[in-house]
Amino acid sequence: MKKLVPDPPSSSMPQLDIPGFSFITPPSTEQCDSLVHALTLTVQQTYSVLLDSEPGPQRDAMAMNIRLLCRMVSALADHSDLPI
């Protein structure tokens, strides 16, 4: 049977299972808001670099950075009332 969608090209980026983040002392709501804002801007800028990069180590690194940043935002969302 022929595939309708081809497999993506292989990547040298290790497929790491990024552990969840947690806080010993949860940040305040204001701190969470500031951190989420900063992380969101960083994700946007990293995504721009990712799109502008040719396939290779730099692009793989940007993709891994985005995964890590998203985990951090999720951890902040777990400890705050922010609508994320």
PDB file of N, CA and C in Angstrom:
ATOM      1  N   MET A   1       0.840  -1.175   0.000  1.00  0.00           N
ATOM      2  CA  MET A   1       0.000   0.000   0.000  1.00  0.00           C
ATOM      3  C   MET A   1       0.891   1.245   0.000  1.00  0.00           C
ATOM      4  N   LYS A   2       0.588   2.179  -0.843  1.00  0.00           N
ATOM      5  CA  LYS A   2       1.376   3.403  -0.956  1.00  0.00           C
ATOM      6  C   LYS A   2       0.935   4.408   0.117  1.00  0.00           C
ATOM      7  N   LYS A   3       1.915   5.050   0.739  1.00  0.00           N
ATOM      8  CA  LYS A   3       1.606   6.051   1.762  1.00  0.00           C
ATOM      9  C   LYS A   3       1.071   7.313   1.106  1.00  0.00           C
ATOM     10  N   LEU A   4       0.044   7.879   1.712  1.00  0.00           N
ATOM     11  CA  LEU A   4      -0.492   9.146   1.228  1.00  0.00           C
ATOM     12  C   LEU A   4       0.395  10.314   1.647  1.00  0.00           C
ATOM     13  N   VAL A   5       0.942  10.198   2.839  1.00  0.00           N
ATOM     14  CA  VAL A   5       1.826  11.243   3.366  1.00  0.00           C
ATOM     15  C   VAL A   5       3.180  10.597   3.637  1.00  0.00           C
ATOM     16  N   PRO A   6       4.234  11.090   2.995  1.00  0.00           N
ATOM     17  CA  PRO A   6       5.549  10.472   3.214  1.00  0.00           C
ATOM     18  C   PRO A   6       6.069  10.737   4.620  1.00  0.00           C
ATOM     19  N   ASP A   7       6.947   9.860   5.069  1.00  0.00           N
ATOM     20  CA  ASP A   7       7.590  10.064   6.362  1.00  0.00           C
ATOM     21  C   ASP A   7       8.456  11.315   6.297  1.00  0.00           C
ATOM     22  N   PRO A   8       8.519  12.068   7.400  1.00  0.00           N
ATOM     23  CA  PRO A   8       9.382  13.256   7.392  1.00  0.00           C
ATOM     24  C   PRO A   8      10.839  12.821   7.291  1.00  0.00           C
ATOM     25  N   PRO A   9      11.687  13.702   6.782  1.00  0.00           N
ATOM     26  CA  PRO A   9      13.108  13.344   6.701  1.00  0.00           C
ATOM     27  C   PRO A   9      13.677  13.110   8.094  1.00  0.00           C
ATOM     28  N   SER A  10      14.617  12.192   8.174  1.00  0.00           N
ATOM     29  CA  SER A  10      15.198  11.899   9.481  1.00  0.00           C
ATOM     30  C   SER A  10      15.990  13.102   9.972  1.00  0.00           C
ATOM     31  N   SER A  11      16.045  13.214  11.270  1.00  0.00           N
ATOM     32  CA  SER A  11      16.734  14.340  11.895  1.00  0.00           C
ATOM     33  C   SER A  11      17.804  13.791  12.821  1.00  0.00           C
ATOM     34  N   SER A  12      18.884  14.529  12.932  1.00  0.00           N
ATOM     35  CA  SER A  12      19.937  14.128  13.862  1.00  0.00           C
ATOM     36  C   SER A  12      19.608  14.559  15.288  1.00  0.00           C
ATOM     37  N   MET A  13      18.515  15.313  15.455  1.00  0.00           N
ATOM     38  CA  MET A  13      18.135  15.791  16.778  1.00  0.00           C
ATOM     39  C   MET A  13      17.660  14.613  17.624  1.00  0.00           C
ATOM     40  N   PRO A  14      18.218  14.440  18.802  1.00  0.00           N
ATOM     41  CA  PRO A  14      17.752  13.347  19.652  1.00  0.00           C
ATOM     42  C   PRO A  14      16.301  13.577  20.055  1.00  0.00           C
ATOM     43  N   GLN A  15      15.535  12.527  20.037  1.00  0.00           N
ATOM     44  CA  GLN A  15      14.130  12.610  20.421  1.00  0.00           C
ATOM     45  C   GLN A  15      14.027  12.432  21.934  1.00  0.00           C
ATOM     46  N   LEU A  16      14.385  13.466  22.641  1.00  0.00           N
ATOM     47  CA  LEU A  16      14.401  13.418  24.095  1.00  0.00           C
ATOM     48  C   LEU A  16      13.003  13.592  24.659  1.00  0.00           C
ATOM     49  N   ASP A  17      12.722  12.843  25.703  1.00  0.00           N
ATOM     50  CA  ASP A  17      11.478  13.036  26.429  1.00  0.00           C
ATOM     51  C   ASP A  17      11.778  14.067  27.508  1.00  0.00           C
ATOM     52  N   ILE A  18      11.319  15.274  27.286  1.00  0.00           N
ATOM     53  CA  ILE A  18      11.623  16.373  28.202  1.00  0.00           C
ATOM     54  C   ILE A  18      10.816  16.190  29.483  1.00  0.00           C
ATOM     55  N   PRO A  19      11.488  16.165  30.622  1.00  0.00           N
ATOM     56  CA  PRO A  19      10.745  15.998  31.874  1.00  0.00           C
ATOM     57  C   PRO A  19       9.913  17.232  32.187  1.00  0.00           C
ATOM     58  N   GLY A  20       8.889  17.031  32.977  1.00  0.00           N
ATOM     59  CA  GLY A  20       8.073  18.154  33.407  1.00  0.00           C
ATOM     60  C   GLY A  20       8.841  19.009  34.402  1.00  0.00           C
ATOM     61  N   PHE A  21       8.505  20.276  34.435  1.00  0.00           N
ATOM     62  CA  PHE A  21       9.125  21.199  35.381  1.00  0.00           C
ATOM     63  C   PHE A  21       8.175  21.393  36.553  1.00  0.00           C
ATOM     64  N   SER A  22       8.730  21.601  37.719  1.00  0.00           N
ATOM     65  CA  SER A  22       7.906  21.947  38.873  1.00  0.00           C
ATOM     66  C   SER A  22       8.671  22.974  39.705  1.00  0.00           C
ATOM     67  N   PHE A  23       7.940  23.651  40.564  1.00  0.00           N
ATOM     68  CA  PHE A  23       8.524  24.705  41.385  1.00  0.00           C
ATOM     69  C   PHE A  23       8.514  24.281  42.842  1.00  0.00           C
ATOM     70  N   ILE A  24       9.630  24.507  43.527  1.00  0.00           N
ATOM     71  CA  ILE A  24       9.675  24.242  44.959  1.00  0.00           C
ATOM     72  C   ILE A  24       8.786  25.256  45.662  1.00  0.00           C
ATOM     73  N   THR A  25       8.962  26.516  45.310  1.00  0.00           N
ATOM     74  CA  THR A  25       8.119  27.592  45.814  1.00  0.00           C
ATOM     75  C   THR A  25       7.411  28.211  44.617  1.00  0.00           C
ATOM     76  N   PRO A  26       6.096  27.994  44.493  1.00  0.00           N
ATOM     77  CA  PRO A  26       5.389  28.546  43.330  1.00  0.00           C
ATOM     78  C   PRO A  26       5.508  30.064  43.274  1.00  0.00           C
ATOM     79  N   PRO A  27       5.734  30.608  42.077  1.00  0.00           N
ATOM     80  CA  PRO A  27       5.815  32.065  41.937  1.00  0.00           C
ATOM     81  C   PRO A  27       4.450  32.708  42.144  1.00  0.00           C
ATOM     82  N   SER A  28       4.484  33.976  42.457  1.00  0.00           N
ATOM     83  CA  SER A  28       3.227  34.717  42.626  1.00  0.00           C
ATOM     84  C   SER A  28       2.547  34.876  41.268  1.00  0.00           C
ATOM     85  N   THR A  29       1.299  35.318  41.287  1.00  0.00           N
ATOM     86  CA  THR A  29       0.555  35.522  40.047  1.00  0.00           C
ATOM     87  C   THR A  29       1.247  36.545  39.161  1.00  0.00           C
ATOM     88  N   GLU A  30       1.763  37.623  39.762  1.00  0.00           N
ATOM     89  CA  GLU A  30       2.460  38.646  38.984  1.00  0.00           C
ATOM     90  C   GLU A  30       3.735  38.080  38.354  1.00  0.00           C
ATOM     91  N   GLN A  31       4.469  37.276  39.136  1.00  0.00           N
ATOM     92  CA  GLN A  31       5.681  36.658  38.599  1.00  0.00           C
ATOM     93  C   GLN A  31       5.342  35.688  37.464  1.00  0.00           C
ATOM     94  N   CYS A  32       4.281  34.906  37.649  1.00  0.00           N
ATOM     95  CA  CYS A  32       3.845  33.980  36.590  1.00  0.00           C
ATOM     96  C   CYS A  32       3.498  34.744  35.323  1.00  0.00           C
ATOM     97  N   ASP A  33       2.764  35.829  35.482  1.00  0.00           N
ATOM     98  CA  ASP A  33       2.367  36.629  34.323  1.00  0.00           C
ATOM     99  C   ASP A  33       3.598  37.161  33.590  1.00  0.00           C
ATOM    100  N   SER A  34       4.560  37.678  34.335  1.00  0.00           N
ATOM    101  CA  SER A  34       5.789  38.207  33.726  1.00  0.00           C
ATOM    102  C   SER A  34       6.588  37.106  33.038  1.00  0.00           C
ATOM    103  N   LEU A  35       6.711  35.964  33.698  1.00  0.00           N
ATOM    104  CA  LEU A  35       7.457  34.852  33.113  1.00  0.00           C
ATOM    105  C   LEU A  35       6.785  34.315  31.851  1.00  0.00           C
ATOM    106  N   VAL A  36       5.463  34.159  31.886  1.00  0.00           N
ATOM    107  CA  VAL A  36       4.745  33.670  30.702  1.00  0.00           C
ATOM    108  C   VAL A  36       4.907  34.652  29.553  1.00  0.00           C
ATOM    109  N   HIS A  37       4.831  35.947  29.848  1.00  0.00           N
ATOM    110  CA  HIS A  37       5.007  36.962  28.800  1.00  0.00           C
ATOM    111  C   HIS A  37       6.405  36.849  28.181  1.00  0.00           C
ATOM    112  N   ALA A  38       7.428  36.752  29.020  1.00  0.00           N
ATOM    113  CA  ALA A  38       8.805  36.652  28.521  1.00  0.00           C
ATOM    114  C   ALA A  38       9.017  35.356  27.741  1.00  0.00           C
ATOM    115  N   LEU A  39       8.487  34.254  28.250  1.00  0.00           N
ATOM    116  CA  LEU A  39       8.643  32.972  27.554  1.00  0.00           C
ATOM    117  C   LEU A  39       7.907  32.962  26.222  1.00  0.00           C
ATOM    118  N   THR A  40       6.732  33.586  26.177  1.00  0.00           N
ATOM    119  CA  THR A  40       5.971  33.650  24.927  1.00  0.00           C
ATOM    120  C   THR A  40       6.733  34.441  23.873  1.00  0.00           C
ATOM    121  N   LEU A  41       7.310  35.575  24.264  1.00  0.00           N
ATOM    122  CA  LEU A  41       8.126  36.349  23.319  1.00  0.00           C
ATOM    123  C   LEU A  41       9.332  35.541  22.843  1.00  0.00           C
ATOM    124  N   THR A  42       9.947  34.807  23.762  1.00  0.00           N
ATOM    125  CA  THR A  42      11.099  33.984  23.392  1.00  0.00           C
ATOM    126  C   THR A  42      10.701  32.885  22.420  1.00  0.00           C
ATOM    127  N   VAL A  43       9.542  32.259  22.647  1.00  0.00           N
ATOM    128  CA  VAL A  43       9.054  31.230  21.718  1.00  0.00           C
ATOM    129  C   VAL A  43       8.827  31.837  20.339  1.00  0.00           C
ATOM    130  N   GLN A  44       8.217  33.013  20.285  1.00  0.00           N
ATOM    131  CA  GLN A  44       7.960  33.658  18.995  1.00  0.00           C
ATOM    132  C   GLN A  44       9.259  33.956  18.254  1.00  0.00           C
ATOM    133  N   GLN A  45      10.253  34.473  18.960  1.00  0.00           N
ATOM    134  CA  GLN A  45      11.530  34.787  18.316  1.00  0.00           C
ATOM    135  C   GLN A  45      12.263  33.515  17.892  1.00  0.00           C
ATOM    136  N   THR A  46      12.211  32.494  18.730  1.00  0.00           N
ATOM    137  CA  THR A  46      12.856  31.227  18.397  1.00  0.00           C
ATOM    138  C   THR A  46      12.182  30.589  17.191  1.00  0.00           C
ATOM    139  N   TYR A  47      10.859  30.703  17.120  1.00  0.00           N
ATOM    140  CA  TYR A  47      10.106  30.151  15.991  1.00  0.00           C
ATOM    141  C   TYR A  47      10.502  30.849  14.691  1.00  0.00           C
ATOM    142  N   SER A  48      10.727  32.157  14.756  1.00  0.00           N
ATOM    143  CA  SER A  48      11.165  32.895  13.568  1.00  0.00           C
ATOM    144  C   SER A  48      12.525  32.393  13.088  1.00  0.00           C
ATOM    145  N   VAL A  49      13.441  32.156  14.018  1.00  0.00           N
ATOM    146  CA  VAL A  49      14.759  31.625  13.656  1.00  0.00           C
ATOM    147  C   VAL A  49      14.609  30.223  13.078  1.00  0.00           C
ATOM    148  N   LEU A  50      13.724  29.432  13.675  1.00  0.00           N
ATOM    149  CA  LEU A  50      13.486  28.070  13.185  1.00  0.00           C
ATOM    150  C   LEU A  50      13.029  28.088  11.735  1.00  0.00           C
ATOM    151  N   LEU A  51      12.077  28.958  11.421  1.00  0.00           N
ATOM    152  CA  LEU A  51      11.550  29.019  10.057  1.00  0.00           C
ATOM    153  C   LEU A  51      12.578  29.530   9.059  1.00  0.00           C
ATOM    154  N   ASP A  52      13.470  30.412   9.508  1.00  0.00           N
ATOM    155  CA  ASP A  52      14.478  30.986   8.617  1.00  0.00           C
ATOM    156  C   ASP A  52      15.708  30.093   8.446  1.00  0.00           C
ATOM    157  N   SER A  53      15.800  29.022   9.224  1.00  0.00           N
ATOM    158  CA  SER A  53      16.986  28.164   9.188  1.00  0.00           C
ATOM    159  C   SER A  53      16.814  27.027   8.191  1.00  0.00           C
ATOM    160  N   GLU A  54      17.927  26.670   7.586  1.00  0.00           N
ATOM    161  CA  GLU A  54      17.953  25.483   6.731  1.00  0.00           C
ATOM    162  C   GLU A  54      17.926  24.250   7.635  1.00  0.00           C
ATOM    163  N   PRO A  55      17.434  23.118   7.135  1.00  0.00           N
ATOM    164  CA  PRO A  55      17.491  21.898   7.946  1.00  0.00           C
ATOM    165  C   PRO A  55      18.928  21.616   8.391  1.00  0.00           C
ATOM    166  N   GLY A  56      19.071  21.276   9.640  1.00  0.00           N
ATOM    167  CA  GLY A  56      20.401  20.994  10.176  1.00  0.00           C
ATOM    168  C   GLY A  56      20.445  21.223  11.674  1.00  0.00           C
ATOM    169  N   PRO A  57      21.637  21.285  12.234  1.00  0.00           N
ATOM    170  CA  PRO A  57      21.784  21.400  13.685  1.00  0.00           C
ATOM    171  C   PRO A  57      21.136  22.646  14.285  1.00  0.00           C
ATOM    172  N   GLN A  58      21.228  23.791  13.603  1.00  0.00           N
ATOM    173  CA  GLN A  58      20.632  25.010  14.161  1.00  0.00           C
ATOM    174  C   GLN A  58      19.114  24.869  14.231  1.00  0.00           C
ATOM    175  N   ARG A  59      18.523  24.336  13.199  1.00  0.00           N
ATOM    176  CA  ARG A  59      17.071  24.162  13.186  1.00  0.00           C
ATOM    177  C   ARG A  59      16.647  23.154  14.253  1.00  0.00           C
ATOM    178  N   ASP A  60      17.411  22.084  14.407  1.00  0.00           N
ATOM    179  CA  ASP A  60      17.109  21.094  15.441  1.00  0.00           C
ATOM    180  C   ASP A  60      17.194  21.717  16.833  1.00  0.00           C
ATOM    181  N   ALA A  61      18.196  22.572  17.046  1.00  0.00           N
ATOM    182  CA  ALA A  61      18.354  23.233  18.343  1.00  0.00           C
ATOM    183  C   ALA A  61      17.184  24.175  18.623  1.00  0.00           C
ATOM    184  N   MET A  62      16.738  24.900  17.614  1.00  0.00           N
ATOM    185  CA  MET A  62      15.605  25.808  17.797  1.00  0.00           C
ATOM    186  C   MET A  62      14.336  25.020  18.140  1.00  0.00           C
ATOM    187  N   ALA A  63      14.143  23.885  17.493  1.00  0.00           N
ATOM    188  CA  ALA A  63      12.968  23.057  17.784  1.00  0.00           C
ATOM    189  C   ALA A  63      13.012  22.545  19.223  1.00  0.00           C
ATOM    190  N   MET A  64      14.189  22.133  19.678  1.00  0.00           N
ATOM    191  CA  MET A  64      14.322  21.659  21.056  1.00  0.00           C
ATOM    192  C   MET A  64      14.088  22.806  22.033  1.00  0.00           C
ATOM    193  N   ASN A  65      14.586  23.994  21.723  1.00  0.00           N
ATOM    194  CA  ASN A  65      14.348  25.156  22.588  1.00  0.00           C
ATOM    195  C   ASN A  65      12.862  25.441  22.721  1.00  0.00           C
ATOM    196  N   ILE A  66      12.129  25.357  21.621  1.00  0.00           N
ATOM    197  CA  ILE A  66      10.692  25.610  21.663  1.00  0.00           C
ATOM    198  C   ILE A  66      10.006  24.578  22.545  1.00  0.00           C
ATOM    199  N   ARG A  67      10.399  23.325  22.437  1.00  0.00           N
ATOM    200  CA  ARG A  67       9.804  22.285  23.286  1.00  0.00           C
ATOM    201  C   ARG A  67      10.057  22.574  24.763  1.00  0.00           C
ATOM    202  N   LEU A  68      11.284  22.972  25.099  1.00  0.00           N
ATOM    203  CA  LEU A  68      11.608  23.293  26.491  1.00  0.00           C
ATOM    204  C   LEU A  68      10.822  24.503  26.991  1.00  0.00           C
ATOM    205  N   LEU A  69      10.734  25.535  26.167  1.00  0.00           N
ATOM    206  CA  LEU A  69       9.999  26.743  26.552  1.00  0.00           C
ATOM    207  C   LEU A  69       8.524  26.432  26.783  1.00  0.00           C
ATOM    208  N   CYS A  70       7.950  25.593  25.943  1.00  0.00           N
ATOM    209  CA  CYS A  70       6.538  25.226  26.112  1.00  0.00           C
ATOM    210  C   CYS A  70       6.323  24.449  27.404  1.00  0.00           C
ATOM    211  N   ARG A  71       7.280  23.592  27.767  1.00  0.00           N
ATOM    212  CA  ARG A  71       7.174  22.880  29.042  1.00  0.00           C
ATOM    213  C   ARG A  71       7.201  23.859  30.216  1.00  0.00           C
ATOM    214  N   MET A  72       8.039  24.878  30.106  1.00  0.00           N
ATOM    215  CA  MET A  72       8.117  25.879  31.173  1.00  0.00           C
ATOM    216  C   MET A  72       6.806  26.641  31.304  1.00  0.00           C
ATOM    217  N   VAL A  73       6.207  27.013  30.180  1.00  0.00           N
ATOM    218  CA  VAL A  73       4.923  27.718  30.211  1.00  0.00           C
ATOM    219  C   VAL A  73       3.865  26.817  30.837  1.00  0.00           C
ATOM    220  N   SER A  74       3.877  25.533  30.505  1.00  0.00           N
ATOM    221  CA  SER A  74       2.913  24.596  31.090  1.00  0.00           C
ATOM    222  C   SER A  74       3.086  24.494  32.600  1.00  0.00           C
ATOM    223  N   ALA A  75       4.332  24.462  33.056  1.00  0.00           N
ATOM    224  CA  ALA A  75       4.588  24.405  34.498  1.00  0.00           C
ATOM    225  C   ALA A  75       4.061  25.653  35.188  1.00  0.00           C
ATOM    226  N   LEU A  76       4.244  26.806  34.562  1.00  0.00           N
ATOM    227  CA  LEU A  76       3.716  28.050  35.141  1.00  0.00           C
ATOM    228  C   LEU A  76       2.193  28.025  35.173  1.00  0.00           C
ATOM    229  N   ALA A  77       1.589  27.491  34.133  1.00  0.00           N
ATOM    230  CA  ALA A  77       0.128  27.430  34.082  1.00  0.00           C
ATOM    231  C   ALA A  77      -0.416  26.531  35.187  1.00  0.00           C
ATOM    232  N   ASP A  78       0.320  25.482  35.523  1.00  0.00           N
ATOM    233  CA  ASP A  78      -0.111  24.577  36.592  1.00  0.00           C
ATOM    234  C   ASP A  78      -0.094  25.252  37.960  1.00  0.00           C
ATOM    235  N   HIS A  79       0.704  26.307  38.118  1.00  0.00           N
ATOM    236  CA  HIS A  79       0.848  26.973  39.417  1.00  0.00           C
ATOM    237  C   HIS A  79       0.218  28.357  39.458  1.00  0.00           C
ATOM    238  N   SER A  80      -0.644  28.645  38.506  1.00  0.00           N
ATOM    239  CA  SER A  80      -1.238  29.983  38.500  1.00  0.00           C
ATOM    240  C   SER A  80      -2.679  29.906  38.026  1.00  0.00           C
ATOM    241  N   ASP A  81      -3.343  31.033  38.115  1.00  0.00           N
ATOM    242  CA  ASP A  81      -4.718  31.144  37.634  1.00  0.00           C
ATOM    243  C   ASP A  81      -4.762  31.771  36.251  1.00  0.00           C
ATOM    244  N   LEU A  82      -3.620  31.809  35.575  1.00  0.00           N
ATOM    245  CA  LEU A  82      -3.565  32.437  34.260  1.00  0.00           C
ATOM    246  C   LEU A  82      -4.311  31.591  33.234  1.00  0.00           C
ATOM    247  N   PRO A  83      -5.104  32.219  32.380  1.00  0.00           N
ATOM    248  CA  PRO A  83      -5.833  31.469  31.349  1.00  0.00           C
ATOM    249  C   PRO A  83      -4.920  31.145  30.163  1.00  0.00           C
ATOM    250  N   ILE A  84      -4.171  30.071  30.276  1.00  0.00           N
ATOM    251  CA  ILE A  84      -3.234  29.689  29.209  1.00  0.00           C
ATOM    252  C   ILE A  84      -3.813  28.519  28.452  1.00  0.00           C
TER     253      ILE A  84
END
